[in-house]
N, C-alpha and C. Protein backbone atom coordinates (compact mmCIF):
# COMPACT_ATOMS: atom_id res chain seq x y z
N UNK A 1 0.82 -1.20 0.00
CA UNK A 1 0.00 0.00 0.00
C UNK A 1 0.87 1.26 0.00
N UNK A 2 2.01 1.25 0.67
CA UNK A 2 2.85 2.44 0.72
C UNK A 2 3.24 2.90 -0.67
N UNK A 3 3.43 1.96 -1.59
CA UNK A 3 3.81 2.33 -2.95
C UNK A 3 2.75 3.20 -3.60
N UNK A 4 1.50 3.00 -3.27
CA UNK A 4 0.42 3.80 -3.86
C UNK A 4 0.61 5.28 -3.56
N UNK A 5 1.09 5.61 -2.38
CA UNK A 5 1.29 7.01 -2.02
C UNK A 5 2.31 7.69 -2.94
N UNK A 6 3.18 6.89 -3.53
CA UNK A 6 4.23 7.45 -4.38
C UNK A 6 3.91 7.32 -5.86
N UNK A 7 2.79 6.75 -6.17
CA UNK A 7 2.36 6.60 -7.56
C UNK A 7 1.95 7.97 -8.09
N UNK A 8 2.47 8.34 -9.25
CA UNK A 8 2.14 9.66 -9.81
C UNK A 8 0.65 9.86 -9.99
N UNK A 9 -0.08 8.80 -10.30
CA UNK A 9 -1.53 8.94 -10.49
C UNK A 9 -2.20 9.34 -9.19
N UNK A 10 -1.77 8.74 -8.08
CA UNK A 10 -2.36 9.08 -6.78
C UNK A 10 -2.02 10.52 -6.41
N UNK A 11 -0.79 10.91 -6.67
CA UNK A 11 -0.39 12.29 -6.38
C UNK A 11 -1.25 13.28 -7.15
N UNK A 12 -1.53 12.98 -8.42
CA UNK A 12 -2.38 13.87 -9.22
C UNK A 12 -3.81 13.90 -8.69
N UNK A 13 -4.32 12.75 -8.28
CA UNK A 13 -5.66 12.69 -7.71
C UNK A 13 -5.76 13.58 -6.48
N UNK A 14 -4.80 13.47 -5.59
CA UNK A 14 -4.81 14.28 -4.37
C UNK A 14 -4.67 15.77 -4.71
N UNK A 15 -3.82 16.08 -5.70
CA UNK A 15 -3.67 17.47 -6.10
C UNK A 15 -4.99 18.03 -6.62
N UNK A 16 -5.72 17.25 -7.41
CA UNK A 16 -7.01 17.71 -7.93
C UNK A 16 -8.02 17.91 -6.81
N UNK A 17 -8.00 17.04 -5.82
CA UNK A 17 -8.90 17.20 -4.67
C UNK A 17 -8.56 18.47 -3.89
N UNK A 18 -7.27 18.69 -3.69
CA UNK A 18 -6.84 19.89 -2.97
C UNK A 18 -7.22 21.15 -3.75
N UNK A 19 -7.00 21.14 -5.06
CA UNK A 19 -7.37 22.29 -5.89
C UNK A 19 -8.88 22.55 -5.82
N UNK A 20 -9.67 21.49 -5.81
CA UNK A 20 -11.13 21.64 -5.71
C UNK A 20 -11.50 22.27 -4.37
N UNK A 21 -10.84 21.84 -3.31
CA UNK A 21 -11.11 22.41 -1.98
C UNK A 21 -10.77 23.90 -1.97
N UNK A 22 -9.61 24.22 -2.52
CA UNK A 22 -9.17 25.61 -2.53
C UNK A 22 -10.08 26.48 -3.39
N UNK A 23 -10.50 25.96 -4.55
CA UNK A 23 -11.43 26.71 -5.42
C UNK A 23 -12.74 27.00 -4.71
N UNK A 24 -13.15 26.05 -3.86
CA UNK A 24 -14.40 26.23 -3.11
C UNK A 24 -14.22 27.17 -1.93
N UNK A 25 -12.99 27.59 -1.68
CA UNK A 25 -12.72 28.49 -0.57
C UNK A 25 -12.85 27.84 0.79
N UNK A 26 -12.61 26.53 0.83
CA UNK A 26 -12.76 25.78 2.08
C UNK A 26 -11.41 25.43 2.67
N UNK A 27 -11.29 25.57 3.97
CA UNK A 27 -10.06 25.19 4.65
C UNK A 27 -10.08 23.70 4.97
N UNK A 28 -8.92 23.18 5.32
CA UNK A 28 -8.85 21.79 5.78
C UNK A 28 -9.73 21.61 7.01
N UNK A 29 -9.73 22.59 7.87
CA UNK A 29 -10.55 22.51 9.08
C UNK A 29 -12.04 22.45 8.74
N UNK A 30 -12.47 23.25 7.78
CA UNK A 30 -13.89 23.25 7.39
C UNK A 30 -14.30 21.88 6.84
N UNK A 31 -13.45 21.29 6.02
CA UNK A 31 -13.75 19.97 5.48
C UNK A 31 -13.72 18.94 6.60
N UNK A 32 -12.76 19.07 7.50
CA UNK A 32 -12.68 18.16 8.64
C UNK A 32 -13.96 18.18 9.46
N UNK A 33 -14.52 19.36 9.66
CA UNK A 33 -15.78 19.46 10.41
C UNK A 33 -16.91 18.75 9.68
N UNK A 34 -16.95 18.92 8.36
CA UNK A 34 -17.98 18.24 7.58
C UNK A 34 -17.86 16.72 7.67
N UNK A 35 -16.62 16.26 7.77
CA UNK A 35 -16.36 14.81 7.84
C UNK A 35 -16.34 14.28 9.26
N UNK A 36 -16.43 15.21 10.22
CA UNK A 36 -16.31 14.84 11.65
C UNK A 36 -14.95 14.20 11.93
N UNK A 37 -13.92 14.85 11.35
CA UNK A 37 -12.53 14.42 11.51
C UNK A 37 -11.70 15.65 11.85
N UNK A 38 -10.54 15.45 12.47
CA UNK A 38 -9.67 16.60 12.75
C UNK A 38 -9.06 17.15 11.46
N UNK A 39 -8.61 18.39 11.51
CA UNK A 39 -7.95 19.01 10.35
C UNK A 39 -6.78 18.17 9.89
N UNK A 40 -6.08 17.55 10.83
CA UNK A 40 -4.89 16.77 10.49
C UNK A 40 -5.20 15.59 9.56
N UNK A 41 -6.43 15.09 9.60
CA UNK A 41 -6.83 14.00 8.71
C UNK A 41 -6.66 14.44 7.26
N UNK A 42 -7.20 15.60 6.92
CA UNK A 42 -7.09 16.09 5.55
C UNK A 42 -5.67 16.57 5.26
N UNK A 43 -5.02 17.14 6.26
CA UNK A 43 -3.63 17.57 6.08
C UNK A 43 -2.73 16.42 5.69
N UNK A 44 -2.91 15.29 6.34
CA UNK A 44 -2.08 14.11 6.03
C UNK A 44 -2.40 13.56 4.65
N UNK A 45 -3.65 13.63 4.25
CA UNK A 45 -4.00 13.18 2.89
C UNK A 45 -3.35 14.10 1.86
N UNK A 46 -3.48 15.40 2.06
CA UNK A 46 -2.97 16.36 1.09
C UNK A 46 -1.44 16.40 1.03
N UNK A 47 -0.77 15.96 2.08
CA UNK A 47 0.70 15.92 2.07
C UNK A 47 1.21 14.50 1.82
N UNK A 48 0.32 13.64 1.39
CA UNK A 48 0.66 12.27 1.00
C UNK A 48 1.25 11.44 2.14
N UNK A 49 0.80 11.72 3.35
CA UNK A 49 1.20 10.93 4.51
C UNK A 49 0.17 9.87 4.84
N UNK A 50 -1.01 10.00 4.25
CA UNK A 50 -2.11 9.07 4.51
C UNK A 50 -2.84 8.81 3.21
N UNK A 51 -3.18 7.55 2.99
CA UNK A 51 -3.86 7.14 1.76
C UNK A 51 -5.37 7.11 1.99
N UNK A 52 -6.11 7.59 1.01
CA UNK A 52 -7.57 7.52 1.03
C UNK A 52 -8.02 6.16 0.54
N UNK A 53 -8.98 5.55 1.22
CA UNK A 53 -9.60 4.37 0.64
C UNK A 53 -10.82 4.83 -0.16
N UNK A 54 -11.46 3.91 -0.84
CA UNK A 54 -12.56 4.27 -1.74
C UNK A 54 -13.70 4.96 -1.01
N UNK A 55 -14.10 4.44 0.14
CA UNK A 55 -15.21 5.04 0.87
C UNK A 55 -14.86 6.43 1.37
N UNK A 56 -13.63 6.61 1.85
CA UNK A 56 -13.20 7.93 2.30
C UNK A 56 -13.17 8.92 1.13
N UNK A 57 -12.77 8.43 -0.04
CA UNK A 57 -12.74 9.26 -1.23
C UNK A 57 -14.14 9.81 -1.53
N UNK A 58 -15.14 8.93 -1.50
CA UNK A 58 -16.51 9.38 -1.79
C UNK A 58 -17.03 10.29 -0.68
N UNK A 59 -16.66 10.04 0.56
CA UNK A 59 -17.03 10.95 1.66
C UNK A 59 -16.43 12.33 1.44
N UNK A 60 -15.18 12.35 0.98
CA UNK A 60 -14.51 13.62 0.74
C UNK A 60 -15.17 14.37 -0.42
N UNK A 61 -15.51 13.66 -1.48
CA UNK A 61 -16.22 14.32 -2.57
C UNK A 61 -17.53 14.93 -2.08
N UNK A 62 -18.25 14.20 -1.24
CA UNK A 62 -19.50 14.73 -0.70
C UNK A 62 -19.26 15.97 0.15
N UNK A 63 -18.22 15.94 0.98
CA UNK A 63 -17.90 17.10 1.82
C UNK A 63 -17.51 18.31 0.97
N UNK A 64 -16.89 18.04 -0.18
CA UNK A 64 -16.51 19.11 -1.10
C UNK A 64 -17.67 19.53 -2.00
N UNK A 65 -18.80 18.81 -1.89
CA UNK A 65 -19.97 19.05 -2.72
C UNK A 65 -19.63 18.91 -4.21
N UNK A 66 -18.90 17.82 -4.51
CA UNK A 66 -18.48 17.51 -5.86
C UNK A 66 -19.19 16.24 -6.30
N UNK A 67 -19.75 16.27 -7.51
CA UNK A 67 -20.38 15.07 -8.06
C UNK A 67 -19.28 14.12 -8.56
N UNK A 68 -19.40 12.86 -8.21
CA UNK A 68 -18.37 11.87 -8.52
C UNK A 68 -18.15 11.71 -10.03
N UNK A 69 -19.23 11.67 -10.82
CA UNK A 69 -19.10 11.44 -12.25
C UNK A 69 -18.26 12.49 -12.97
N UNK A 70 -18.64 13.77 -12.85
CA UNK A 70 -17.84 14.81 -13.50
C UNK A 70 -16.40 14.87 -12.98
N UNK A 71 -16.22 14.63 -11.68
CA UNK A 71 -14.87 14.65 -11.13
C UNK A 71 -14.05 13.50 -11.70
N UNK A 72 -14.67 12.33 -11.82
CA UNK A 72 -13.97 11.17 -12.39
C UNK A 72 -13.53 11.46 -13.82
N UNK A 73 -14.38 12.16 -14.59
CA UNK A 73 -14.00 12.52 -15.96
C UNK A 73 -12.81 13.48 -15.96
N UNK A 74 -12.82 14.41 -15.03
CA UNK A 74 -11.70 15.35 -14.92
C UNK A 74 -10.42 14.60 -14.57
N UNK A 75 -10.50 13.69 -13.61
CA UNK A 75 -9.33 12.91 -13.19
C UNK A 75 -8.84 12.06 -14.37
N UNK A 76 -9.75 11.40 -15.07
CA UNK A 76 -9.37 10.56 -16.20
C UNK A 76 -8.67 11.38 -17.27
N UNK A 77 -9.17 12.58 -17.53
CA UNK A 77 -8.54 13.45 -18.52
C UNK A 77 -7.14 13.84 -18.07
N UNK A 78 -6.99 14.15 -16.80
CA UNK A 78 -5.69 14.51 -16.23
C UNK A 78 -4.73 13.33 -16.34
N UNK A 79 -5.19 12.15 -16.04
CA UNK A 79 -4.34 10.97 -16.11
C UNK A 79 -3.90 10.72 -17.55
N UNK A 80 -4.81 10.94 -18.48
CA UNK A 80 -4.48 10.75 -19.89
C UNK A 80 -3.42 11.72 -20.38
N UNK A 81 -3.49 12.95 -19.90
CA UNK A 81 -2.51 13.96 -20.32
C UNK A 81 -1.14 13.71 -19.74
N UNK A 82 -1.10 13.21 -18.52
CA UNK A 82 0.17 13.10 -17.80
C UNK A 82 0.84 11.74 -17.96
N UNK A 83 0.22 10.82 -18.63
CA UNK A 83 0.86 9.52 -18.80
C UNK A 83 0.34 8.50 -17.84
N UNK A 84 0.92 7.35 -17.90
CA UNK A 84 0.44 6.20 -17.13
C UNK A 84 1.01 6.21 -15.72
N UNK A 85 1.55 5.13 -15.34
CA UNK A 85 1.96 4.84 -13.98
C UNK A 85 3.45 5.08 -13.77
N UNK A 86 3.82 5.56 -12.59
CA UNK A 86 5.23 5.72 -12.27
C UNK A 86 5.83 4.36 -11.94
N UNK A 87 7.10 4.25 -12.08
CA UNK A 87 7.78 2.98 -11.84
C UNK A 87 8.41 2.91 -10.47
N UNK A 88 8.20 3.81 -9.60
CA UNK A 88 8.90 3.68 -8.34
C UNK A 88 8.21 4.32 -7.28
């Protein structure tokens, strides 16, 4: 699982989530409150110290008020532009 944190695709996914949060004008603390988690939970995700599982990912999208389908298309487009998988 640790290798996933270093995969370029995962890094891009987290960057897109962070950019969405910032565009919405929401702090890590505000999202943490929506998720009933401490600010450090989101801080660790955004600094690649903690990996999101699938259910947490969908909870985060809901807290950000982002629809999963359009976001998935955005992520897929980003992945297509930046290439496939990192080797290390």
